[in-house]
Amino acid sequence: MKQDILHTENFLKGLTTLTGLPYKKVQQYVKENNPFNILEHPHIMEPNEKQLEKIGLLNEFIASYNILKIYESNEKVMLNSSTIAGQYFLALLGGMKDKERFMVAFLDSGNNIIETKTMSEGSIGQTAVYPREILKYTLACDCNTMILAHNHPGGSKNFSPEDRALTQRMVDIFHPLEIKILDHIIVGGGSYTSMAEKGIIPCQSKGTANYEMITLGPIPAEEKRNRFKHTHSR
């Protein structure tokens, strides 16, 4: 117990030193709440603009550290399975619960990462994705395949109709160019779901290329109702 208190105090001291948040305010908050909420939902501490920026940088640092730790023995990061891809994006997106972020890993012919890029970042409820921007970066890095990924801040790991529509839209654009969409990973609730693992990743074009913006929104109303029923039936 003493050990837990010591580690918590060290965590709070480091957090407040790096972000500029008032120590007493943070200490008061963690008496009744999970300290990780401060990083995952920074607005609960009512930070100013500079403090919020520092919290964002700290989150980016932690995500980068997690990735480097996983792949420290490899010169290249290879995403050659849905499990590895899921773990990779879970490390990048698992701590992001205050906004939705859409990312793409651009891969070479050996499934090694050429570049992983954040293509859009929105609010807690939605983010706008621009297929034309993805096409531009795909051609610039001369990739052979790619993996799509985004987080659901609400914790759902289910694919929404918008998620499926976006995936098919990407296939419609890139299949004629002989660039394959290997997977679409959803990160939510500390875990992930893979379209490839579930056998629902589209392989063929179903229509002509459409470069209009598509919005990834919150979880469907039906799922919210089911969650509510499940929670209140316990």
C-alpha atoms as a PDB file:
ATOM      1  CA  MET A   1       0.000   0.000   0.000  1.00  0.00           C
ATOM      2  CA  LYS A   2       2.822   2.393   0.931  1.00  0.00           C
ATOM      3  CA  GLN A   3       4.494   1.484  -2.344  1.00  0.00           C
ATOM      4  CA  ASP A   4       1.336   2.432  -4.294  1.00  0.00           C
ATOM      5  CA  ILE A   5       1.124   5.789  -2.516  1.00  0.00           C
ATOM      6  CA  LEU A   6       4.794   6.498  -3.235  1.00  0.00           C
ATOM      7  CA  HIS A   7       4.428   5.689  -6.944  1.00  0.00           C
ATOM      8  CA  THR A   8       1.273   7.822  -7.165  1.00  0.00           C
ATOM      9  CA  GLU A   9       3.022  10.777  -5.550  1.00  0.00           C
ATOM     10  CA  ASN A  10       5.978  10.430  -7.906  1.00  0.00           C
ATOM     11  CA  PHE A  11       3.586  10.244 -10.854  1.00  0.00           C
ATOM     12  CA  LEU A  12       1.763  13.408  -9.743  1.00  0.00           C
ATOM     13  CA  LYS A  13       5.006  15.310  -9.154  1.00  0.00           C
ATOM     14  CA  GLY A  14       6.288  14.366 -12.593  1.00  0.00           C
ATOM     15  CA  LEU A  15       2.951  15.173 -14.232  1.00  0.00           C
ATOM     16  CA  THR A  16       2.635  18.610 -12.645  1.00  0.00           C
ATOM     17  CA  THR A  17       6.286  19.463 -13.306  1.00  0.00           C
ATOM     18  CA  LEU A  18       6.017  18.564 -16.992  1.00  0.00           C
ATOM     19  CA  THR A  19       2.600  20.105 -17.651  1.00  0.00           C
ATOM     20  CA  GLY A  20       2.440  23.075 -15.294  1.00  0.00           C
ATOM     21  CA  LEU A  21      -0.817  21.882 -13.701  1.00  0.00           C
ATOM     22  CA  PRO A  22      -1.205  22.976 -10.043  1.00  0.00           C
ATOM     23  CA  TYR A  23      -0.059  20.145  -7.752  1.00  0.00           C
ATOM     24  CA  LYS A  24      -2.726  20.744  -5.086  1.00  0.00           C
ATOM     25  CA  LYS A  25      -5.501  20.710  -7.668  1.00  0.00           C
ATOM     26  CA  VAL A  26      -4.223  17.467  -9.195  1.00  0.00           C
ATOM     27  CA  GLN A  27      -3.731  15.922  -5.742  1.00  0.00           C
ATOM     28  CA  GLN A  28      -7.289  16.809  -4.772  1.00  0.00           C
ATOM     29  CA  TYR A  29      -8.664  15.295  -7.977  1.00  0.00           C
ATOM     30  CA  VAL A  30      -6.912  11.918  -7.568  1.00  0.00           C
ATOM     31  CA  LYS A  31      -8.295  11.429  -4.040  1.00  0.00           C
ATOM     32  CA  GLU A  32     -11.520  10.209  -5.645  1.00  0.00           C
ATOM     33  CA  ASN A  33     -10.585   9.669  -9.298  1.00  0.00           C
ATOM     34  CA  ASN A  34      -8.197   7.713 -11.500  1.00  0.00           C
ATOM     35  CA  PRO A  35      -5.014   9.799 -12.081  1.00  0.00           C
ATOM     36  CA  PHE A  36      -4.764   8.548 -15.676  1.00  0.00           C
ATOM     37  CA  ASN A  37      -7.945  10.488 -16.447  1.00  0.00           C
ATOM     38  CA  ILE A  38      -5.826  13.639 -16.358  1.00  0.00           C
ATOM     39  CA  LEU A  39      -3.880  12.462 -19.414  1.00  0.00           C
ATOM     40  CA  GLU A  40      -6.780  10.752 -21.164  1.00  0.00           C
ATOM     41  CA  HIS A  41      -9.380  13.490 -20.499  1.00  0.00           C
ATOM     42  CA  PRO A  42      -7.247  16.598 -19.902  1.00  0.00           C
ATOM     43  CA  HIS A  43     -10.129  19.068 -19.984  1.00  0.00           C
ATOM     44  CA  ILE A  44     -11.341  17.838 -16.573  1.00  0.00           C
ATOM     45  CA  MET A  45      -8.483  19.837 -15.034  1.00  0.00           C
ATOM     46  CA  GLU A  46      -9.532  23.007 -16.879  1.00  0.00           C
ATOM     47  CA  PRO A  47      -6.002  23.585 -18.221  1.00  0.00           C
ATOM     48  CA  ASN A  48      -4.978  26.757 -19.966  1.00  0.00           C
ATOM     49  CA  GLU A  49      -3.802  26.615 -23.579  1.00  0.00           C
ATOM     50  CA  LYS A  50      -0.138  26.142 -22.676  1.00  0.00           C
ATOM     51  CA  GLN A  51      -0.869  23.390 -20.149  1.00  0.00           C
ATOM     52  CA  LEU A  52      -3.133  21.593 -22.627  1.00  0.00           C
ATOM     53  CA  GLU A  53      -0.384  21.724 -25.250  1.00  0.00           C
ATOM     54  CA  LYS A  54       2.102  20.210 -22.771  1.00  0.00           C
ATOM     55  CA  ILE A  55      -0.336  17.421 -21.863  1.00  0.00           C
ATOM     56  CA  GLY A  56      -0.730  16.660 -25.579  1.00  0.00           C
ATOM     57  CA  LEU A  57       3.053  16.505 -26.007  1.00  0.00           C
ATOM     58  CA  LEU A  58       3.341  14.207 -22.982  1.00  0.00           C
ATOM     59  CA  ASN A  59       0.719  11.862 -24.459  1.00  0.00           C
ATOM     60  CA  GLU A  60       2.602  11.823 -27.767  1.00  0.00           C
ATOM     61  CA  PHE A  61       5.819  11.010 -25.913  1.00  0.00           C
ATOM     62  CA  ILE A  62       4.208   8.112 -24.034  1.00  0.00           C
ATOM     63  CA  ALA A  63       2.735   6.706 -27.272  1.00  0.00           C
ATOM     64  CA  SER A  64       6.093   6.963 -29.045  1.00  0.00           C
ATOM     65  CA  TYR A  65       7.863   5.305 -26.113  1.00  0.00           C
ATOM     66  CA  ASN A  66       5.392   2.409 -26.199  1.00  0.00           C
ATOM     67  CA  ILE A  67       6.033   1.862 -29.900  1.00  0.00           C
ATOM     68  CA  LEU A  68       9.825   2.068 -29.570  1.00  0.00           C
ATOM     69  CA  LYS A  69       9.739  -0.341 -26.632  1.00  0.00           C
ATOM     70  CA  ILE A  70       7.752  -2.920 -28.602  1.00  0.00           C
ATOM     71  CA  TYR A  71      10.049  -2.776 -31.614  1.00  0.00           C
ATOM     72  CA  GLU A  72      13.390  -1.832 -30.006  1.00  0.00           C
ATOM     73  CA  SER A  73      15.144  -4.931 -31.424  1.00  0.00           C
ATOM     74  CA  ASN A  74      14.074  -4.278 -35.020  1.00  0.00           C
ATOM     75  CA  GLU A  75      15.441  -1.731 -37.456  1.00  0.00           C
ATOM     76  CA  LYS A  76      12.124  -1.758 -39.307  1.00  0.00           C
ATOM     77  CA  VAL A  77       8.602  -2.011 -37.955  1.00  0.00           C
ATOM     78  CA  MET A  78       6.775  -4.803 -39.794  1.00  0.00           C
ATOM     79  CA  LEU A  79       2.983  -5.079 -39.629  1.00  0.00           C
ATOM     80  CA  ASN A  80       2.613  -8.588 -41.030  1.00  0.00           C
ATOM     81  CA  SER A  81      -0.432  -9.697 -39.022  1.00  0.00           C
ATOM     82  CA  SER A  82      -3.642  -8.233 -37.664  1.00  0.00           C
ATOM     83  CA  THR A  83      -2.465  -8.924 -34.112  1.00  0.00           C
ATOM     84  CA  ILE A  84       0.762  -6.948 -34.566  1.00  0.00           C
ATOM     85  CA  ALA A  85      -1.094  -4.142 -36.355  1.00  0.00           C
ATOM     86  CA  GLY A  86      -3.692  -4.061 -33.577  1.00  0.00           C
ATOM     87  CA  GLN A  87      -1.036  -3.835 -30.856  1.00  0.00           C
ATOM     88  CA  TYR A  88       0.805  -1.153 -32.822  1.00  0.00           C
ATOM     89  CA  PHE A  89      -2.232   1.119 -33.153  1.00  0.00           C
ATOM     90  CA  LEU A  90      -3.409   0.337 -29.615  1.00  0.00           C
ATOM     91  CA  ALA A  91      -0.103   1.776 -28.378  1.00  0.00           C
ATOM     92  CA  LEU A  92      -0.661   4.901 -30.492  1.00  0.00           C
ATOM     93  CA  LEU A  93      -4.376   5.447 -29.928  1.00  0.00           C
ATOM     94  CA  GLY A  94      -5.235   3.630 -26.698  1.00  0.00           C
ATOM     95  CA  GLY A  95      -4.681   6.652 -24.472  1.00  0.00           C
ATOM     96  CA  MET A  96      -6.646   9.060 -26.643  1.00  0.00           C
ATOM     97  CA  LYS A  97     -10.133   9.400 -25.163  1.00  0.00           C
ATOM     98  CA  ASP A  98     -10.886  13.080 -25.649  1.00  0.00           C
ATOM     99  CA  LYS A  99     -10.843  13.140 -29.462  1.00  0.00           C
ATOM    100  CA  GLU A 100     -11.155  10.877 -32.491  1.00  0.00           C
ATOM    101  CA  ARG A 101      -8.037  10.390 -34.621  1.00  0.00           C
ATOM    102  CA  PHE A 102      -7.728   8.673 -38.003  1.00  0.00           C
ATOM    103  CA  MET A 103      -4.326   7.249 -38.950  1.00  0.00           C
ATOM    104  CA  VAL A 104      -2.825   5.363 -41.882  1.00  0.00           C
ATOM    105  CA  ALA A 105       0.262   3.130 -41.934  1.00  0.00           C
ATOM    106  CA  PHE A 106       1.830   3.178 -45.394  1.00  0.00           C
ATOM    107  CA  LEU A 107       3.719  -0.096 -46.041  1.00  0.00           C
ATOM    108  CA  ASP A 108       6.249  -1.416 -48.550  1.00  0.00           C
ATOM    109  CA  SER A 109       6.064  -4.793 -50.327  1.00  0.00           C
ATOM    110  CA  GLY A 110       7.412  -6.543 -47.195  1.00  0.00           C
ATOM    111  CA  ASN A 111       4.767  -4.930 -44.946  1.00  0.00           C
ATOM    112  CA  ASN A 112       7.415  -2.724 -43.345  1.00  0.00           C
ATOM    113  CA  ILE A 113       6.218   0.719 -42.317  1.00  0.00           C
ATOM    114  CA  ILE A 114       7.364   3.496 -44.609  1.00  0.00           C
ATOM    115  CA  GLU A 115       5.439   6.079 -42.612  1.00  0.00           C
ATOM    116  CA  THR A 116       2.539   6.207 -40.188  1.00  0.00           C
ATOM    117  CA  LYS A 117       0.608   9.438 -40.462  1.00  0.00           C
ATOM    118  CA  THR A 118      -2.300  11.068 -38.673  1.00  0.00           C
ATOM    119  CA  MET A 119      -4.637  12.016 -41.508  1.00  0.00           C
ATOM    120  CA  SER A 120      -7.290  13.749 -39.436  1.00  0.00           C
ATOM    121  CA  GLU A 121      -8.192  14.580 -35.869  1.00  0.00           C
ATOM    122  CA  GLY A 122     -11.593  15.699 -34.678  1.00  0.00           C
ATOM    123  CA  SER A 123     -13.734  16.008 -31.578  1.00  0.00           C
ATOM    124  CA  ILE A 124     -14.805  13.332 -29.122  1.00  0.00           C
ATOM    125  CA  GLY A 125     -17.771  12.516 -31.365  1.00  0.00           C
ATOM    126  CA  GLN A 126     -16.439  12.614 -34.919  1.00  0.00           C
ATOM    127  CA  THR A 127     -13.632  13.340 -37.342  1.00  0.00           C
ATOM    128  CA  ALA A 128     -13.602  14.233 -41.030  1.00  0.00           C
ATOM    129  CA  VAL A 129     -11.479  12.119 -43.399  1.00  0.00           C
ATOM    130  CA  TYR A 130     -10.317  13.437 -46.776  1.00  0.00           C
ATOM    131  CA  PRO A 131      -9.554  10.593 -49.249  1.00  0.00           C
ATOM    132  CA  ARG A 132      -7.706  12.961 -51.588  1.00  0.00           C
ATOM    133  CA  GLU A 133      -5.170  13.722 -48.851  1.00  0.00           C
ATOM    134  CA  ILE A 134      -4.618  10.014 -48.250  1.00  0.00           C
ATOM    135  CA  LEU A 135      -4.082   9.494 -51.991  1.00  0.00           C
ATOM    136  CA  LYS A 136      -1.509  12.307 -52.040  1.00  0.00           C
ATOM    137  CA  TYR A 137       0.570  10.746 -49.247  1.00  0.00           C
ATOM    138  CA  THR A 138       0.185   7.260 -50.699  1.00  0.00           C
ATOM    139  CA  LEU A 139       1.704   8.351 -54.006  1.00  0.00           C
ATOM    140  CA  ALA A 140       4.389  10.418 -52.278  1.00  0.00           C
ATOM    141  CA  CYS A 141       5.749   7.473 -50.263  1.00  0.00           C
ATOM    142  CA  ASP A 142       5.254   4.957 -53.110  1.00  0.00           C
ATOM    143  CA  CYS A 143       3.657   2.355 -50.842  1.00  0.00           C
ATOM    144  CA  ASN A 144       2.303  -1.056 -51.860  1.00  0.00           C
ATOM    145  CA  THR A 145      -0.226  -1.588 -49.086  1.00  0.00           C
ATOM    146  CA  MET A 146      -1.744   0.320 -46.192  1.00  0.00           C
ATOM    147  CA  ILE A 147      -3.551  -0.198 -42.910  1.00  0.00           C
ATOM    148  CA  LEU A 148      -6.251   2.186 -41.700  1.00  0.00           C
ATOM    149  CA  ALA A 149      -6.905   2.821 -38.021  1.00  0.00           C
ATOM    150  CA  HIS A 150      -8.872   5.126 -35.777  1.00  0.00           C
ATOM    151  CA  ASN A 151     -10.086   5.260 -32.212  1.00  0.00           C
ATOM    152  CA  HIS A 152     -13.563   5.410 -30.729  1.00  0.00           C
ATOM    153  CA  PRO A 153     -13.247   7.709 -27.671  1.00  0.00           C
ATOM    154  CA  GLY A 154     -16.476   6.290 -26.244  1.00  0.00           C
ATOM    155  CA  GLY A 155     -14.890   2.831 -25.974  1.00  0.00           C
ATOM    156  CA  SER A 156     -16.852   0.954 -28.652  1.00  0.00           C
ATOM    157  CA  LYS A 157     -14.882  -1.566 -30.720  1.00  0.00           C
ATOM    158  CA  ASN A 158     -17.695  -2.143 -33.204  1.00  0.00           C
ATOM    159  CA  PHE A 159     -17.458  -0.955 -36.802  1.00  0.00           C
ATOM    160  CA  SER A 160     -20.053   1.713 -37.551  1.00  0.00           C
ATOM    161  CA  PRO A 161     -21.707   2.004 -40.982  1.00  0.00           C
ATOM    162  CA  GLU A 162     -19.455   5.042 -41.581  1.00  0.00           C
ATOM    163  CA  ASP A 163     -16.357   2.955 -40.745  1.00  0.00           C
ATOM    164  CA  ARG A 164     -17.391   0.320 -43.277  1.00  0.00           C
ATOM    165  CA  ALA A 165     -18.289   2.921 -45.900  1.00  0.00           C
ATOM    166  CA  LEU A 166     -14.920   4.637 -45.516  1.00  0.00           C
ATOM    167  CA  THR A 167     -13.067   1.335 -45.862  1.00  0.00           C
ATOM    168  CA  GLN A 168     -14.948   0.476 -49.042  1.00  0.00           C
ATOM    169  CA  ARG A 169     -14.327   4.009 -50.348  1.00  0.00           C
ATOM    170  CA  MET A 170     -10.581   3.512 -49.824  1.00  0.00           C
ATOM    171  CA  VAL A 171     -10.697   0.181 -51.660  1.00  0.00           C
ATOM    172  CA  ASP A 172     -12.611   1.800 -54.539  1.00  0.00           C
ATOM    173  CA  ILE A 173      -9.825   4.393 -54.838  1.00  0.00           C
ATOM    174  CA  PHE A 174      -6.742   2.232 -54.358  1.00  0.00           C
ATOM    175  CA  HIS A 175      -7.665  -1.189 -55.795  1.00  0.00           C
ATOM    176  CA  PRO A 176      -7.440   0.104 -59.418  1.00  0.00           C
ATOM    177  CA  LEU A 177      -3.966   1.445 -58.520  1.00  0.00           C
ATOM    178  CA  GLU A 178      -2.951  -2.026 -57.259  1.00  0.00           C
ATOM    179  CA  ILE A 179      -2.516  -0.711 -53.710  1.00  0.00           C
ATOM    180  CA  LYS A 180      -4.148  -2.989 -51.167  1.00  0.00           C
ATOM    181  CA  ILE A 181      -5.965  -2.023 -47.986  1.00  0.00           C
ATOM    182  CA  LEU A 182      -4.811  -4.793 -45.640  1.00  0.00           C
ATOM    183  CA  ASP A 183      -6.870  -3.914 -42.581  1.00  0.00           C
ATOM    184  CA  HIS A 184      -8.879  -1.336 -40.700  1.00  0.00           C
ATOM    185  CA  ILE A 185      -8.250  -1.300 -36.949  1.00  0.00           C
ATOM    186  CA  ILE A 186     -10.658   0.180 -34.407  1.00  0.00           C
ATOM    187  CA  VAL A 187      -9.215   1.065 -30.989  1.00  0.00           C
ATOM    188  CA  GLY A 188     -11.606   1.469 -28.071  1.00  0.00           C
ATOM    189  CA  GLY A 189     -11.910   0.604 -24.404  1.00  0.00           C
ATOM    190  CA  GLY A 190      -8.274  -0.410 -24.039  1.00  0.00           C
ATOM    191  CA  SER A 191      -8.481  -2.985 -26.825  1.00  0.00           C
ATOM    192  CA  TYR A 192      -8.924  -3.212 -30.593  1.00  0.00           C
ATOM    193  CA  THR A 193     -10.922  -4.884 -33.343  1.00  0.00           C
ATOM    194  CA  SER A 194      -9.634  -5.801 -36.805  1.00  0.00           C
ATOM    195  CA  MET A 195     -11.708  -5.953 -39.987  1.00  0.00           C
ATOM    196  CA  ALA A 196      -9.255  -8.472 -41.424  1.00  0.00           C
ATOM    197  CA  GLU A 197      -9.566 -10.768 -38.392  1.00  0.00           C
ATOM    198  CA  LYS A 198     -13.344 -10.634 -38.667  1.00  0.00           C
ATOM    199  CA  GLY A 199     -13.183 -11.364 -42.399  1.00  0.00           C
ATOM    200  CA  ILE A 200     -15.050  -8.215 -43.386  1.00  0.00           C
ATOM    201  CA  ILE A 201     -12.284  -6.191 -45.040  1.00  0.00           C
ATOM    202  CA  PRO A 202     -13.340  -5.371 -48.634  1.00  0.00           C
ATOM    203  CA  CYS A 203     -11.053  -6.716 -51.356  1.00  0.00           C
ATOM    204  CA  GLN A 204     -12.698  -5.476 -54.547  1.00  0.00           C
ATOM    205  CA  SER A 205     -13.958  -2.145 -55.835  1.00  0.00           C
ATOM    206  CA  LYS A 206     -17.729  -1.721 -55.760  1.00  0.00           C
ATOM    207  CA  GLY A 207     -17.910   1.658 -57.445  1.00  0.00           C
ATOM    208  CA  THR A 208     -15.930   4.448 -59.020  1.00  0.00           C
ATOM    209  CA  ALA A 209     -13.402   6.400 -56.971  1.00  0.00           C
ATOM    210  CA  ASN A 210     -15.077   9.016 -54.775  1.00  0.00           C
ATOM    211  CA  TYR A 211     -12.838  11.665 -53.209  1.00  0.00           C
ATOM    212  CA  GLU A 212     -15.517  13.513 -51.239  1.00  0.00           C
ATOM    213  CA  MET A 213     -14.970  13.983 -47.511  1.00  0.00           C
ATOM    214  CA  ILE A 214     -16.466  11.329 -45.239  1.00  0.00           C
ATOM    215  CA  THR A 215     -17.275  11.836 -41.563  1.00  0.00           C
ATOM    216  CA  LEU A 216     -16.664   9.152 -38.986  1.00  0.00           C
ATOM    217  CA  GLY A 217     -19.256   9.707 -36.282  1.00  0.00           C
ATOM    218  CA  PRO A 218     -20.202   8.412 -32.857  1.00  0.00           C
ATOM    219  CA  ILE A 219     -21.451   4.888 -32.186  1.00  0.00           C
ATOM    220  CA  PRO A 220     -24.896   4.062 -33.568  1.00  0.00           C
ATOM    221  CA  ALA A 221     -27.953   4.877 -31.451  1.00  0.00           C
ATOM    222  CA  GLU A 222     -28.971   1.209 -31.348  1.00  0.00           C
ATOM    223  CA  GLU A 223     -25.661   0.231 -29.775  1.00  0.00           C
ATOM    224  CA  LYS A 224     -26.016   3.018 -27.206  1.00  0.00           C
ATOM    225  CA  ARG A 225     -29.458   1.688 -26.268  1.00  0.00           C
ATOM    226  CA  ASN A 226     -28.119  -1.849 -25.947  1.00  0.00           C
ATOM    227  CA  ARG A 227     -25.269  -0.650 -23.752  1.00  0.00           C
ATOM    228  CA  PHE A 228     -27.692   1.250 -21.546  1.00  0.00           C
ATOM    229  CA  LYS A 229     -29.901  -1.831 -21.133  1.00  0.00           C
ATOM    230  CA  HIS A 230     -26.873  -4.016 -20.353  1.00  0.00           C
ATOM    231  CA  THR A 231     -25.526  -1.548 -17.770  1.00  0.00           C
ATOM    232  CA  HIS A 232     -28.853  -1.225 -15.956  1.00  0.00           C
ATOM    233  CA  SER A 233     -29.644  -4.940 -15.984  1.00  0.00           C
ATOM    234  CA  ARG A 234     -26.676  -5.770 -13.742  1.00  0.00           C
END
